[in-house]
């Protein structure tokens, strides 16, 4: 068997017996290549992921703001209750008649 392939096989595979350099057309230099399309695809996917992450973070920030408002309201109510309880204790210690509107402070456990 012949170790050299036939000329048609060589041309079909992309090699030739000619030793000259390939000449390219000027318009071929400006055509996009597959790697450009792949890079564009990767960047678009990354942009979509970043936009999704941004919307998720914005939603989480809104949830945190709502939780903070609820906690601030709870804290202000507890502080006012503590202040009333302290006034009640002072009145009892001084022998004055305590206000009937004041009730003893209830303890509340908070779990997360």
Protein backbone atom coordinates (compact mmCIF):
# COMPACT_ATOMS: atom_id res chain seq x y z
CA UNK A 1 0.00 0.00 0.00
CA UNK A 2 1.10 3.50 -0.74
CA UNK A 3 1.93 5.56 2.37
CA UNK A 4 1.07 8.88 0.65
CA UNK A 5 -2.64 9.68 0.27
CA UNK A 6 -3.99 10.69 -3.11
CA UNK A 7 -3.94 14.37 -4.09
CA UNK A 8 -7.75 14.69 -3.88
CA UNK A 9 -7.71 13.37 -0.31
CA UNK A 10 -5.02 15.86 0.64
CA UNK A 11 -6.98 18.79 -0.79
CA UNK A 12 -10.18 17.57 0.84
CA UNK A 13 -8.39 17.45 4.20
CA UNK A 14 -7.15 21.00 3.79
CA UNK A 15 -3.52 20.37 2.90
CA UNK A 16 -1.98 20.76 -0.49
CA UNK A 17 1.34 20.21 -2.09
CA UNK A 18 1.76 23.93 -2.73
CA UNK A 19 4.23 25.65 -0.44
CA UNK A 20 2.88 29.18 -0.92
CA UNK A 21 1.10 31.12 1.80
CA UNK A 22 -2.66 31.45 1.73
CA UNK A 23 -3.91 34.77 0.44
CA UNK A 24 -6.93 36.22 2.21
CA UNK A 25 -9.41 38.75 0.97
CA UNK A 26 -9.63 42.08 2.83
CA UNK A 27 -13.31 41.50 3.61
CA UNK A 28 -12.49 38.21 5.35
CA UNK A 29 -10.42 40.06 7.95
CA UNK A 30 -13.48 41.95 9.16
CA UNK A 31 -15.89 39.04 9.32
CA UNK A 32 -16.80 37.79 12.76
CA UNK A 33 -15.42 34.47 13.82
CA UNK A 34 -17.03 31.76 15.89
CA UNK A 35 -15.05 32.83 18.93
CA UNK A 36 -16.60 36.32 18.68
CA UNK A 37 -20.10 34.85 18.72
CA UNK A 38 -19.19 32.59 21.62
CA UNK A 39 -17.76 35.52 23.55
CA UNK A 40 -20.90 37.55 22.86
CA UNK A 41 -23.06 34.64 24.05
CA UNK A 42 -21.04 34.30 27.26
CA UNK A 43 -21.24 38.04 27.97
CA UNK A 44 -25.01 38.09 27.37
CA UNK A 45 -25.50 35.12 29.72
CA UNK A 46 -23.35 36.83 32.35
CA UNK A 47 -25.37 40.04 31.96
CA UNK A 48 -28.63 38.12 32.41
CA UNK A 49 -27.27 36.45 35.54
CA UNK A 50 -26.14 39.79 36.98
CA UNK A 51 -29.53 41.38 36.29
CA UNK A 52 -31.27 38.46 38.00
CA UNK A 53 -28.94 38.72 40.98
CA UNK A 54 -29.56 42.47 41.17
CA UNK A 55 -33.33 41.97 41.23
CA UNK A 56 -32.96 39.27 43.90
CA UNK A 57 -30.82 41.59 46.02
CA UNK A 58 -33.28 44.48 45.61
CA UNK A 59 -36.12 42.21 46.71
CA UNK A 60 -34.09 41.07 49.73
CA UNK A 61 -33.27 44.69 50.65
CA UNK A 62 -36.99 45.49 50.62
CA UNK A 63 -37.69 42.49 52.86
CA UNK A 64 -34.97 43.60 55.28
CA UNK A 65 -36.39 47.15 55.36
CA UNK A 66 -39.84 45.76 56.19
CA UNK A 67 -38.40 43.56 58.95
CA UNK A 68 -36.49 46.53 60.36
CA UNK A 69 -39.66 48.65 60.46
CA UNK A 70 -41.50 45.89 62.32
CA UNK A 71 -38.63 45.48 64.79
CA UNK A 72 -38.37 49.23 65.37
CA UNK A 73 -42.10 49.36 66.12
CA UNK A 74 -41.78 46.43 68.53
CA UNK A 75 -38.77 48.02 70.23
CA UNK A 76 -40.56 51.35 70.68
CA UNK A 77 -43.60 49.58 72.20
CA UNK A 78 -41.36 47.59 74.55
CA UNK A 79 -39.48 50.74 75.59
CA UNK A 80 -42.72 52.53 76.38
CA UNK A 81 -43.91 49.50 78.36
CA UNK A 82 -40.63 49.41 80.28
CA UNK A 83 -40.89 53.14 81.01
CA UNK A 84 -44.43 52.67 82.35
CA UNK A 85 -43.29 49.71 84.45
CA UNK A 86 -40.44 51.74 85.92
CA UNK A 87 -42.82 54.57 86.78
CA UNK A 88 -45.11 52.03 88.43
CA UNK A 89 -42.25 50.61 90.51
CA UNK A 90 -41.10 54.09 91.57
CA UNK A 91 -44.63 54.95 92.63
CA UNK A 92 -44.90 51.73 94.66
CA UNK A 93 -41.52 52.33 96.33
CA UNK A 94 -42.43 55.91 97.23
CA UNK A 95 -45.72 54.77 98.71
CA UNK A 96 -47.88 56.58 96.19
CA UNK A 97 -50.96 55.06 94.69
CA UNK A 98 -49.98 53.63 91.28
CA UNK A 99 -51.96 54.41 88.18
CA UNK A 100 -54.58 51.82 87.35
CA UNK A 101 -53.73 51.94 83.65
CA UNK A 102 -50.28 50.52 84.28
CA UNK A 103 -50.06 46.76 84.06
CA UNK A 104 -47.06 44.67 85.03
CA UNK A 105 -44.58 44.09 82.27
CA UNK A 106 -44.82 40.77 80.49
CA UNK A 107 -41.70 39.06 79.27
CA UNK A 108 -41.54 37.88 75.71
CA UNK A 109 -39.08 35.47 74.20
CA UNK A 110 -37.91 36.17 70.70
CA UNK A 111 -36.70 33.40 68.46
CA UNK A 112 -35.11 33.57 65.08
